Amino acid sequence: MSQRETLIERLLAESDEFRKLREEHQGHERELDALKASSLLSANQEWRISELKKLKLMAKDRMEAIIRQASQTQSTKTPA
């Protein structure tokens, strides 16, 4: 397991915010997949797809910021 994967696993276990963001991101992905499975989309469905993509990206960006912050914090800690 890479250092990044280990850090993500730790954040999932320890950070309510990170866990919530991951669940939101995955939920948006599932809804997007369901909408994209339709052959004909209404204007409202097209709008929802656009909205879901934005929400998914916002969650991903925030998760990446948390990962970066945790990684920097981890690398600045000195072993005791």
Protein backbone atom coordinates (compact mmCIF):
# COMPACT_ATOMS: atom_id res chain seq x y z
CA MET A 1 0.00 0.00 0.00
CA SER A 2 1.40 3.40 -0.95
CA GLN A 3 1.98 6.18 1.54
CA ARG A 4 -0.95 8.11 0.00
CA GLU A 5 -3.29 5.12 0.32
CA THR A 6 -2.22 4.63 3.93
CA LEU A 7 -2.87 8.31 4.64
CA ILE A 8 -6.34 8.10 3.02
CA GLU A 9 -7.18 5.03 5.12
CA ARG A 10 -6.09 6.88 8.26
CA LEU A 11 -8.18 9.92 7.31
CA LEU A 12 -11.21 7.71 6.67
CA ALA A 13 -10.80 6.22 10.13
CA GLU A 14 -10.06 9.47 11.98
CA SER A 15 -11.72 12.37 10.13
CA ASP A 16 -15.49 12.74 10.11
CA GLU A 17 -15.20 15.51 7.51
CA PHE A 18 -13.08 13.40 5.15
CA ARG A 19 -15.37 10.40 5.56
CA LYS A 20 -18.46 12.55 4.87
CA LEU A 21 -16.86 14.09 1.78
CA ARG A 22 -15.93 10.65 0.44
CA GLU A 23 -19.48 9.40 0.96
CA GLU A 24 -20.88 12.50 -0.80
CA HIS A 25 -18.44 12.05 -3.69
CA GLN A 26 -19.39 8.39 -4.10
CA GLY A 27 -23.11 9.22 -3.86
CA HIS A 28 -22.78 11.84 -6.60
CA GLU A 29 -20.91 9.29 -8.73
CA ARG A 30 -23.69 6.71 -8.31
CA GLU A 31 -26.38 9.26 -9.20
CA LEU A 32 -24.38 10.39 -12.24
CA ASP A 33 -24.02 6.79 -13.41
CA ALA A 34 -27.76 6.22 -13.05
CA LEU A 35 -28.61 9.36 -15.01
CA LYS A 36 -26.07 8.60 -17.74
CA ALA A 37 -27.63 5.15 -18.18
CA SER A 38 -30.77 6.82 -19.57
CA SER A 39 -30.85 7.03 -23.35
CA LEU A 40 -32.91 10.24 -23.43
CA LEU A 41 -32.41 12.92 -20.82
CA SER A 42 -34.78 15.75 -20.00
CA ALA A 43 -33.53 19.30 -19.55
CA ASN A 44 -33.83 18.82 -15.78
CA GLN A 45 -31.76 15.64 -15.93
CA GLU A 46 -29.08 17.39 -18.03
CA TRP A 47 -29.02 20.21 -15.47
CA ARG A 48 -28.75 17.66 -12.63
CA ILE A 49 -25.80 15.97 -14.34
CA SER A 50 -24.04 19.32 -14.60
CA GLU A 51 -24.81 20.08 -10.95
CA LEU A 52 -23.60 16.64 -9.79
CA LYS A 53 -20.31 17.06 -11.66
CA LYS A 54 -19.72 20.37 -9.88
CA LEU A 55 -20.64 18.95 -6.46
CA LYS A 56 -18.43 15.92 -7.05
CA LEU A 57 -15.50 18.13 -8.03
CA MET A 58 -15.97 20.35 -4.97
CA ALA A 59 -15.91 17.30 -2.69
CA LYS A 60 -12.83 15.93 -4.46
CA ASP A 61 -11.02 19.28 -4.20
CA ARG A 62 -11.74 19.48 -0.46
CA MET A 63 -10.59 15.88 0.07
CA GLU A 64 -7.35 16.65 -1.79
CA ALA A 65 -6.80 19.72 0.40
CA ILE A 66 -7.28 17.58 3.52
CA ILE A 67 -4.86 14.96 2.16
CA ARG A 68 -2.25 17.65 1.38
CA GLN A 69 -2.63 19.18 4.84
CA ALA A 70 -2.36 15.78 6.55
CA SER A 71 0.64 14.86 4.41
CA GLN A 72 2.43 18.10 5.29
CA THR A 73 1.61 17.66 8.96
CA GLN A 74 2.88 14.08 8.85
CA SER A 75 6.13 15.06 7.11
CA THR A 76 6.87 17.88 9.57
CA LYS A 77 6.44 15.65 12.63
CA THR A 78 9.71 14.51 14.06
CA PRO A 79 9.95 11.02 15.53
CA ALA A 80 10.08 11.01 19.31
